[in-house]
Every structure is written in C-alpha cells, then in structure tokens.
C-alpha cells in the first residue's frame, strides 16, 4: 500500500504541468520524510531506517519549499522533490 500511496500523492504535479505551464504556473511536490520540529523526538527504530540516520526538522523541509517558490527554481515544474534523507530511495 505504501508505494501506491506515494505514487498517488505525487501524481497531480506532472499531470497538470501541460495545462498550467503555458500560463506560467509551475507545479512541484515536496515529499517529506519523517519530520518533526524537534527531530530528536523521532524513535530510534525509525531513524535507523533512514540512510542519513536522522529525521528532518521542519526548517529543513521549509527550505526546500522556499527554493521551489523562488526564482532560483524558475525552470522547474512537474517535479516530485523528495526531502526524506534517502528513505524512499527504493520507490
């Protein structure tokens, strides 16, 4: 079920880029991994499944969102950006 859920949640961005891209509207998804305001509160058993061996802070996810909303990503659209410490590497 997990793979199907990820595939579905990432689906709208690439599909709608053909419709909205010509209007100058960019559509990208941020796919966060285990995220907490205080990453040290994530159980160690979960952290061991993340290649970077830590959870993300909400600030780290916000930086990815800020990048996608900025002019620095002006030629990016229809992308699914994983910010998960490598957790979904096999999906």
PDB file of N, CA and C in Angstrom:
ATOM      1  N   UNK A   1       0.821  -1.200   0.000  1.00  0.00           N
ATOM      2  CA  UNK A   1       0.000   0.000   0.000  1.00  0.00           C
ATOM      3  C   UNK A   1       0.859   1.256   0.000  1.00  0.00           C
ATOM      4  N   UNK A   2       1.999   1.234   0.649  1.00  0.00           N
ATOM      5  CA  UNK A   2       2.843   2.428   0.762  1.00  0.00           C
ATOM      6  C   UNK A   2       3.241   2.963  -0.611  1.00  0.00           C
ATOM      7  N   UNK A   3       3.687   2.127  -1.519  1.00  0.00           N
ATOM      8  CA  UNK A   3       4.099   2.588  -2.843  1.00  0.00           C
ATOM      9  C   UNK A   3       2.929   3.228  -3.586  1.00  0.00           C
ATOM     10  N   UNK A   4       1.759   2.645  -3.483  1.00  0.00           N
ATOM     11  CA  UNK A   4       0.597   3.195  -4.159  1.00  0.00           C
ATOM     12  C   UNK A   4       0.246   4.568  -3.601  1.00  0.00           C
ATOM     13  N   UNK A   5       0.363   4.725  -2.293  1.00  0.00           N
ATOM     14  CA  UNK A   5       0.043   5.996  -1.660  1.00  0.00           C
ATOM     15  C   UNK A   5       1.013   7.078  -2.129  1.00  0.00           C
ATOM     16  N   UNK A   6       2.294   6.770  -2.173  1.00  0.00           N
ATOM     17  CA  UNK A   6       3.287   7.745  -2.617  1.00  0.00           C
ATOM     18  C   UNK A   6       3.053   8.094  -4.085  1.00  0.00           C
ATOM     19  N   UNK A   7       2.815   7.108  -4.911  1.00  0.00           N
ATOM     20  CA  UNK A   7       2.597   7.358  -6.335  1.00  0.00           C
ATOM     21  C   UNK A   7       1.377   8.245  -6.543  1.00  0.00           C
ATOM     22  N   UNK A   8       0.321   8.007  -5.786  1.00  0.00           N
ATOM     23  CA  UNK A   8      -0.885   8.813  -5.947  1.00  0.00           C
ATOM     24  C   UNK A   8      -0.656  10.234  -5.481  1.00  0.00           C
ATOM     25  N   UNK A   9       0.016  10.408  -4.352  1.00  0.00           N
ATOM     26  CA  UNK A   9       0.198  11.761  -3.830  1.00  0.00           C
ATOM     27  C   UNK A   9       1.118  12.589  -4.715  1.00  0.00           C
ATOM     28  N   UNK A  10       1.985  11.957  -5.457  1.00  0.00           N
ATOM     29  CA  UNK A  10       2.913  12.674  -6.339  1.00  0.00           C
ATOM     30  C   UNK A  10       2.346  12.849  -7.743  1.00  0.00           C
ATOM     31  N   UNK A  11       1.200  12.299  -8.023  1.00  0.00           N
ATOM     32  CA  UNK A  11       0.624  12.267  -9.361  1.00  0.00           C
ATOM     33  C   UNK A  11       0.193  13.615  -9.920  1.00  0.00           C
ATOM     34  N   UNK A  12      -0.493  14.480  -9.177  1.00  0.00           N
ATOM     35  CA  UNK A  12      -1.058  15.683  -9.794  1.00  0.00           C
ATOM     36  C   UNK A  12      -0.044  16.625 -10.437  1.00  0.00           C
ATOM     37  N   UNK A  13       1.111  16.792  -9.864  1.00  0.00           N
ATOM     38  CA  UNK A  13       2.064  17.776 -10.374  1.00  0.00           C
ATOM     39  C   UNK A  13       2.465  17.520 -11.824  1.00  0.00           C
ATOM     40  N   UNK A  14       2.975  16.352 -12.189  1.00  0.00           N
ATOM     41  CA  UNK A  14       3.351  16.141 -13.588  1.00  0.00           C
ATOM     42  C   UNK A  14       2.171  16.179 -14.557  1.00  0.00           C
ATOM     43  N   UNK A  15       1.010  15.757 -14.107  1.00  0.00           N
ATOM     44  CA  UNK A  15      -0.161  15.700 -14.984  1.00  0.00           C
ATOM     45  C   UNK A  15      -0.644  17.096 -15.365  1.00  0.00           C
ATOM     46  N   UNK A  16      -0.645  18.004 -14.425  1.00  0.00           N
ATOM     47  CA  UNK A  16      -1.188  19.335 -14.675  1.00  0.00           C
ATOM     48  C   UNK A  16      -0.186  20.321 -15.274  1.00  0.00           C
ATOM     49  N   UNK A  17       1.082  19.961 -15.378  1.00  0.00           N
ATOM     50  CA  UNK A  17       2.056  20.905 -15.919  1.00  0.00           C
ATOM     51  C   UNK A  17       1.767  21.254 -17.371  1.00  0.00           C
ATOM     52  N   UNK A  18       1.269  20.321 -18.152  1.00  0.00           N
ATOM     53  CA  UNK A  18       0.935  20.632 -19.550  1.00  0.00           C
ATOM     54  C   UNK A  18      -0.185  21.664 -19.644  1.00  0.00           C
ATOM     55  N   UNK A  19      -1.094  21.605 -18.700  1.00  0.00           N
ATOM     56  CA  UNK A  19      -2.222  22.537 -18.719  1.00  0.00           C
ATOM     57  C   UNK A  19      -1.838  23.921 -18.195  1.00  0.00           C
ATOM     58  N   UNK A  20      -1.096  23.958 -17.098  1.00  0.00           N
ATOM     59  CA  UNK A  20      -0.816  25.232 -16.442  1.00  0.00           C
ATOM     60  C   UNK A  20       0.540  25.838 -16.788  1.00  0.00           C
ATOM     61  N   UNK A  21       1.479  25.043 -17.271  1.00  0.00           N
ATOM     62  CA  UNK A  21       2.801  25.554 -17.636  1.00  0.00           C
ATOM     63  C   UNK A  21       2.759  26.708 -18.630  1.00  0.00           C
ATOM     64  N   UNK A  22       1.969  26.588 -19.715  1.00  0.00           N
ATOM     65  CA  UNK A  22       1.903  27.694 -20.679  1.00  0.00           C
ATOM     66  C   UNK A  22       1.382  29.006 -20.078  1.00  0.00           C
ATOM     67  N   UNK A  23       0.734  28.917 -18.935  1.00  0.00           N
ATOM     68  CA  UNK A  23       0.226  30.115 -18.260  1.00  0.00           C
ATOM     69  C   UNK A  23       1.243  30.660 -17.252  1.00  0.00           C
ATOM     70  N   UNK A  24       2.443  30.034 -17.226  1.00  0.00           N
ATOM     71  CA  UNK A  24       3.480  30.481 -16.303  1.00  0.00           C
ATOM     72  C   UNK A  24       3.335  29.954 -14.890  1.00  0.00           C
ATOM     73  N   UNK A  25       2.473  28.965 -14.713  1.00  0.00           N
ATOM     74  CA  UNK A  25       2.249  28.394 -13.382  1.00  0.00           C
ATOM     75  C   UNK A  25       3.068  27.117 -13.263  1.00  0.00           C
ATOM     76  N   UNK A  26       3.970  27.120 -12.286  1.00  0.00           N
ATOM     77  CA  UNK A  26       4.793  25.938 -12.031  1.00  0.00           C
ATOM     78  C   UNK A  26       4.154  25.102 -10.939  1.00  0.00           C
ATOM     79  N   UNK A  27       4.260  23.775 -11.073  1.00  0.00           N
ATOM     80  CA  UNK A  27       3.676  22.864 -10.095  1.00  0.00           C
ATOM     81  C   UNK A  27       4.704  21.814  -9.731  1.00  0.00           C
ATOM     82  N   UNK A  28       5.080  21.782  -8.471  1.00  0.00           N
ATOM     83  CA  UNK A  28       6.025  20.809  -7.958  1.00  0.00           C
ATOM     84  C   UNK A  28       5.508  20.285  -6.626  1.00  0.00           C
ATOM     85  N   UNK A  29       5.946  19.098  -6.265  1.00  0.00           N
ATOM     86  CA  UNK A  29       5.578  18.499  -4.986  1.00  0.00           C
ATOM     87  C   UNK A  29       6.805  18.370  -4.113  1.00  0.00           C
ATOM     88  N   UNK A  30       6.632  18.569  -2.824  1.00  0.00           N
ATOM     89  CA  UNK A  30       7.660  18.257  -1.844  1.00  0.00           C
ATOM     90  C   UNK A  30       7.173  17.015  -1.103  1.00  0.00           C
ATOM     91  N   UNK A  31       8.000  15.979  -1.123  1.00  0.00           N
ATOM     92  CA  UNK A  31       7.651  14.718  -0.475  1.00  0.00           C
ATOM     93  C   UNK A  31       8.561  14.531   0.737  1.00  0.00           C
ATOM     94  N   UNK A  32       8.127  15.004   1.903  1.00  0.00           N
ATOM     95  CA  UNK A  32       8.983  14.925   3.090  1.00  0.00           C
ATOM     96  C   UNK A  32       8.996  13.536   3.707  1.00  0.00           C
ATOM     97  N   UNK A  33      10.078  13.261   4.391  1.00  0.00           N
ATOM     98  CA  UNK A  33      10.179  12.024   5.164  1.00  0.00           C
ATOM     99  C   UNK A  33       9.734  12.298   6.592  1.00  0.00           C
ATOM    100  N   UNK A  34      10.314  11.565   7.535  1.00  0.00           N
ATOM    101  CA  UNK A  34       9.989  11.762   8.943  1.00  0.00           C
ATOM    102  C   UNK A  34      10.421  13.170   9.341  1.00  0.00           C
ATOM    103  N   UNK A  35       9.467  13.980   9.756  1.00  0.00           N
ATOM    104  CA  UNK A  35       9.735  15.385  10.050  1.00  0.00           C
ATOM    105  C   UNK A  35       9.110  15.766  11.385  1.00  0.00           C
ATOM    106  N   UNK A  36       9.905  16.419  12.210  1.00  0.00           N
ATOM    107  CA  UNK A  36       9.426  16.917  13.496  1.00  0.00           C
ATOM    108  C   UNK A  36      10.086  18.262  13.751  1.00  0.00           C
ATOM    109  N   UNK A  37       9.400  19.098  14.502  1.00  0.00           N
ATOM    110  CA  UNK A  37      10.029  20.360  14.889  1.00  0.00           C
ATOM    111  C   UNK A  37      11.315  20.066  15.664  1.00  0.00           C
ATOM    112  N   UNK A  38      11.246  19.033  16.506  1.00  0.00           N
ATOM    113  CA  UNK A  38      12.432  18.571  17.240  1.00  0.00           C
ATOM    114  C   UNK A  38      12.743  17.153  16.764  1.00  0.00           C
ATOM    115  N   UNK A  39      13.641  16.998  15.788  1.00  0.00           N
ATOM    116  CA  UNK A  39      13.925  15.678  15.221  1.00  0.00           C
ATOM    117  C   UNK A  39      14.413  14.652  16.237  1.00  0.00           C
ATOM    118  N   UNK A  40      14.951  15.107  17.356  1.00  0.00           N
ATOM    119  CA  UNK A  40      15.450  14.156  18.355  1.00  0.00           C
ATOM    120  C   UNK A  40      14.323  13.367  19.017  1.00  0.00           C
ATOM    121  N   UNK A  41      13.071  13.758  18.792  1.00  0.00           N
ATOM    122  CA  UNK A  41      11.939  13.040  19.389  1.00  0.00           C
ATOM    123  C   UNK A  41      11.453  11.870  18.528  1.00  0.00           C
ATOM    124  N   UNK A  42      12.035  11.697  17.341  1.00  0.00           N
ATOM    125  CA  UNK A  42      11.656  10.570  16.481  1.00  0.00           C
ATOM    126  C   UNK A  42      12.280   9.305  17.062  1.00  0.00           C
ATOM    127  N   UNK A  43      11.498   8.230  17.198  1.00  0.00           N
ATOM    128  CA  UNK A  43      12.033   6.994  17.774  1.00  0.00           C
ATOM    129  C   UNK A  43      13.256   6.476  17.021  1.00  0.00           C
ATOM    130  N   UNK A  44      14.222   5.992  17.768  1.00  0.00           N
ATOM    131  CA  UNK A  44      15.470   5.486  17.202  1.00  0.00           C
ATOM    132  C   UNK A  44      15.221   4.381  16.178  1.00  0.00           C
ATOM    133  N   UNK A  45      14.223   3.550  16.395  1.00  0.00           N
ATOM    134  CA  UNK A  45      13.917   2.473  15.438  1.00  0.00           C
ATOM    135  C   UNK A  45      13.552   3.043  14.070  1.00  0.00           C
ATOM    136  N   UNK A  46      12.893   4.168  14.028  1.00  0.00           N
ATOM    137  CA  UNK A  46      12.537   4.809  12.753  1.00  0.00           C
ATOM    138  C   UNK A  46      13.780   5.426  12.121  1.00  0.00           C
ATOM    139  N   UNK A  47      14.582   6.087  12.950  1.00  0.00           N
ATOM    140  CA  UNK A  47      15.784   6.761  12.458  1.00  0.00           C
ATOM    141  C   UNK A  47      16.732   5.764  11.797  1.00  0.00           C
ATOM    142  N   UNK A  48      16.806   4.558  12.305  1.00  0.00           N
ATOM    143  CA  UNK A  48      17.708   3.549  11.751  1.00  0.00           C
ATOM    144  C   UNK A  48      17.324   3.130  10.330  1.00  0.00           C
ATOM    145  N   UNK A  49      16.103   3.405   9.913  1.00  0.00           N
ATOM    146  CA  UNK A  49      15.656   3.083   8.558  1.00  0.00           C
ATOM    147  C   UNK A  49      15.960   4.202   7.556  1.00  0.00           C
ATOM    148  N   UNK A  50      16.431   5.333   8.034  1.00  0.00           N
ATOM    149  CA  UNK A  50      16.745   6.487   7.185  1.00  0.00           C
ATOM    150  C   UNK A  50      18.245   6.470   6.893  1.00  0.00           C
ATOM    151  N   UNK A  51      18.660   6.472   5.631  1.00  0.00           N
ATOM    152  CA  UNK A  51      20.090   6.438   5.324  1.00  0.00           C
ATOM    153  C   UNK A  51      20.926   7.518   6.016  1.00  0.00           C
ATOM    154  N   UNK A  52      20.382   8.716   6.199  1.00  0.00           N
ATOM    155  CA  UNK A  52      21.134   9.760   6.896  1.00  0.00           C
ATOM    156  C   UNK A  52      21.085   9.611   8.410  1.00  0.00           C
ATOM    157  N   UNK A  53      20.356   8.627   8.891  1.00  0.00           N
ATOM    158  CA  UNK A  53      20.246   8.279  10.314  1.00  0.00           C
ATOM    159  C   UNK A  53      19.739   9.419  11.190  1.00  0.00           C
ATOM    160  N   UNK A  54      18.829  10.213  10.634  1.00  0.00           N
ATOM    161  CA  UNK A  54      18.184  11.250  11.426  1.00  0.00           C
ATOM    162  C   UNK A  54      16.915  11.684  10.716  1.00  0.00           C
ATOM    163  N   UNK A  55      15.998  12.241  11.471  1.00  0.00           N
ATOM    164  CA  UNK A  55      14.788  12.813  10.889  1.00  0.00           C
ATOM    165  C   UNK A  55      15.078  14.250  10.482  1.00  0.00           C
ATOM    166  N   UNK A  56      14.204  14.808   9.676  1.00  0.00           N
ATOM    167  CA  UNK A  56      14.349  16.199   9.247  1.00  0.00           C
ATOM    168  C   UNK A  56      13.665  17.128  10.238  1.00  0.00           C
ATOM    169  N   UNK A  57      14.166  18.331  10.293  1.00  0.00           N
ATOM    170  CA  UNK A  57      13.464  19.358  11.060  1.00  0.00           C
ATOM    171  C   UNK A  57      12.473  20.038  10.115  1.00  0.00           C
ATOM    172  N   UNK A  58      11.467  20.653  10.672  1.00  0.00           N
ATOM    173  CA  UNK A  58      10.504  21.379   9.841  1.00  0.00           C
ATOM    174  C   UNK A  58      11.204  22.497   9.063  1.00  0.00           C
ATOM    175  N   UNK A  59      12.268  23.042   9.621  1.00  0.00           N
ATOM    176  CA  UNK A  59      13.030  24.090   8.940  1.00  0.00           C
ATOM    177  C   UNK A  59      13.673  23.556   7.669  1.00  0.00           C
ATOM    178  N   UNK A  60      14.177  22.327   7.700  1.00  0.00           N
ATOM    179  CA  UNK A  60      14.788  21.748   6.504  1.00  0.00           C
ATOM    180  C   UNK A  60      13.777  21.563   5.384  1.00  0.00           C
ATOM    181  N   UNK A  61      12.582  21.136   5.734  1.00  0.00           N
ATOM    182  CA  UNK A  61      11.533  20.970   4.721  1.00  0.00           C
ATOM    183  C   UNK A  61      11.128  22.341   4.176  1.00  0.00           C
ATOM    184  N   UNK A  62      11.018  23.322   5.065  1.00  0.00           N
ATOM    185  CA  UNK A  62      10.649  24.675   4.645  1.00  0.00           C
ATOM    186  C   UNK A  62      11.669  25.262   3.671  1.00  0.00           C
ATOM    187  N   UNK A  63      12.938  24.931   3.832  1.00  0.00           N
ATOM    188  CA  UNK A  63      13.968  25.423   2.907  1.00  0.00           C
ATOM    189  C   UNK A  63      13.755  24.871   1.496  1.00  0.00           C
ATOM    190  N   UNK A  64      13.341  23.617   1.405  1.00  0.00           N
ATOM    191  CA  UNK A  64      13.050  23.037   0.087  1.00  0.00           C
ATOM    192  C   UNK A  64      11.847  23.738  -0.545  1.00  0.00           C
ATOM    193  N   UNK A  65      10.825  23.996   0.251  1.00  0.00           N
ATOM    194  CA  UNK A  65       9.636  24.700  -0.242  1.00  0.00           C
ATOM    195  C   UNK A  65      10.013  26.112  -0.679  1.00  0.00           C
ATOM    196  N   UNK A  66      10.821  26.778   0.126  1.00  0.00           N
ATOM    197  CA  UNK A  66      11.261  28.136  -0.220  1.00  0.00           C
ATOM    198  C   UNK A  66      12.013  28.138  -1.547  1.00  0.00           C
ATOM    199  N   UNK A  67      12.889  27.163  -1.752  1.00  0.00           N
ATOM    200  CA  UNK A  67      13.617  27.066  -3.013  1.00  0.00           C
ATOM    201  C   UNK A  67      12.653  26.914  -4.187  1.00  0.00           C
ATOM    202  N   UNK A  68      11.678  26.028  -4.057  1.00  0.00           N
ATOM    203  CA  UNK A  68      10.734  25.806  -5.152  1.00  0.00           C
ATOM    204  C   UNK A  68       9.861  27.027  -5.419  1.00  0.00           C
ATOM    205  N   UNK A  69       9.625  27.834  -4.418  1.00  0.00           N
ATOM    206  CA  UNK A  69       8.815  29.043  -4.590  1.00  0.00           C
ATOM    207  C   UNK A  69       9.632  30.228  -5.106  1.00  0.00           C
ATOM    208  N   UNK A  70      10.945  30.079  -5.127  1.00  0.00           N
ATOM    209  CA  UNK A  70      11.808  31.194  -5.517  1.00  0.00           C
ATOM    210  C   UNK A  70      12.103  31.196  -7.017  1.00  0.00           C
ATOM    211  N   UNK A  71      12.706  32.282  -7.459  1.00  0.00           N
ATOM    212  CA  UNK A  71      13.138  32.383  -8.857  1.00  0.00           C
ATOM    213  C   UNK A  71      14.290  31.428  -9.175  1.00  0.00           C
ATOM    214  N   UNK A  72      14.973  30.946  -8.148  1.00  0.00           N
ATOM    215  CA  UNK A  72      16.078  30.011  -8.374  1.00  0.00           C
ATOM    216  C   UNK A  72      15.605  28.701  -8.997  1.00  0.00           C
ATOM    217  N   UNK A  73      14.346  28.394  -8.860  1.00  0.00           N
ATOM    218  CA  UNK A  73      13.795  27.177  -9.457  1.00  0.00           C
ATOM    219  C   UNK A  73      12.835  27.508 -10.601  1.00  0.00           C
ATOM    220  N   UNK A  74      13.059  28.634 -11.249  1.00  0.00           N
ATOM    221  CA  UNK A  74      12.113  29.132 -12.256  1.00  0.00           C
ATOM    222  C   UNK A  74      11.927  28.209 -13.455  1.00  0.00           C
ATOM    223  N   UNK A  75      12.849  27.279 -13.678  1.00  0.00           N
ATOM    224  CA  UNK A  75      12.711  26.357 -14.813  1.00  0.00           C
ATOM    225  C   UNK A  75      12.343  24.947 -14.352  1.00  0.00           C
ATOM    226  N   UNK A  76      11.867  24.826 -13.136  1.00  0.00           N
ATOM    227  CA  UNK A  76      11.437  23.540 -12.595  1.00  0.00           C
ATOM    228  C   UNK A  76       9.918  23.493 -12.549  1.00  0.00           C
ATOM    229  N   UNK A  77       9.359  22.457 -13.128  1.00  0.00           N
ATOM    230  CA  UNK A  77       7.925  22.223 -12.993  1.00  0.00           C
ATOM    231  C   UNK A  77       7.653  20.748 -13.206  1.00  0.00           C
ATOM    232  N   UNK A  78       6.616  20.245 -12.582  1.00  0.00           N
ATOM    233  CA  UNK A  78       6.254  18.842 -12.718  1.00  0.00           C
ATOM    234  C   UNK A  78       7.161  17.889 -11.963  1.00  0.00           C
ATOM    235  N   UNK A  79       7.882  18.406 -10.970  1.00  0.00           N
ATOM    236  CA  UNK A  79       8.845  17.578 -10.248  1.00  0.00           C
ATOM    237  C   UNK A  79       8.318  17.157  -8.881  1.00  0.00           C
ATOM    238  N   UNK A  80       8.752  15.990  -8.474  1.00  0.00           N
ATOM    239  CA  UNK A  80       8.496  15.489  -7.135  1.00  0.00           C
ATOM    240  C   UNK A  80       9.832  15.504  -6.402  1.00  0.00           C
ATOM    241  N   UNK A  81       9.972  16.403  -5.455  1.00  0.00           N
ATOM    242  CA  UNK A  81      11.230  16.586  -4.750  1.00  0.00           C
ATOM    243  C   UNK A  81      11.161  15.869  -3.406  1.00  0.00           C
ATOM    244  N   UNK A  82      11.939  14.827  -3.283  1.00  0.00           N
ATOM    245  CA  UNK A  82      11.964  14.068  -2.029  1.00  0.00           C
ATOM    246  C   UNK A  82      12.966  14.716  -1.081  1.00  0.00           C
ATOM    247  N   UNK A  83      12.485  15.051   0.092  1.00  0.00           N
ATOM    248  CA  UNK A  83      13.318  15.602   1.154  1.00  0.00           C
ATOM    249  C   UNK A  83      13.128  14.659   2.333  1.00  0.00           C
ATOM    250  N   UNK A  84      13.777  13.501   2.212  1.00  0.00           N
ATOM    251  CA  UNK A  84      13.496  12.429   3.174  1.00  0.00           C
ATOM    252  C   UNK A  84      14.741  11.702   3.683  1.00  0.00           C
ATOM    253  N   UNK A  85      15.902  12.305   3.489  1.00  0.00           N
ATOM    254  CA  UNK A  85      17.122  11.682   3.977  1.00  0.00           C
ATOM    255  C   UNK A  85      17.460  10.390   3.267  1.00  0.00           C
ATOM    256  N   UNK A  86      16.853  10.147   2.109  1.00  0.00           N
ATOM    257  CA  UNK A  86      17.109   8.931   1.350  1.00  0.00           C
ATOM    258  C   UNK A  86      16.167   7.782   1.662  1.00  0.00           C
ATOM    259  N   UNK A  87      15.174   8.024   2.506  1.00  0.00           N
ATOM    260  CA  UNK A  87      14.268   6.953   2.953  1.00  0.00           C
ATOM    261  C   UNK A  87      13.554   6.263   1.793  1.00  0.00           C
ATOM    262  N   UNK A  88      13.061   7.012   0.820  1.00  0.00           N
ATOM    263  CA  UNK A  88      12.272   6.433  -0.276  1.00  0.00           C
ATOM    264  C   UNK A  88      13.134   6.080  -1.472  1.00  0.00           C
ATOM    265  N   UNK A  89      14.414   5.850  -1.278  1.00  0.00           N
ATOM    266  CA  UNK A  89      15.339   5.583  -2.386  1.00  0.00           C
ATOM    267  C   UNK A  89      14.921   4.417  -3.259  1.00  0.00           C
ATOM    268  N   UNK A  90      14.189   3.483  -2.710  1.00  0.00           N
ATOM    269  CA  UNK A  90      13.819   2.294  -3.478  1.00  0.00           C
ATOM    270  C   UNK A  90      12.435   2.361  -4.107  1.00  0.00           C
ATOM    271  N   UNK A  91      11.750   3.487  -3.983  1.00  0.00           N
ATOM    272  CA  UNK A  91      10.379   3.579  -4.501  1.00  0.00           C
ATOM    273  C   UNK A  91      10.343   4.275  -5.832  1.00  0.00           C
TER     274      UNK A  91
END
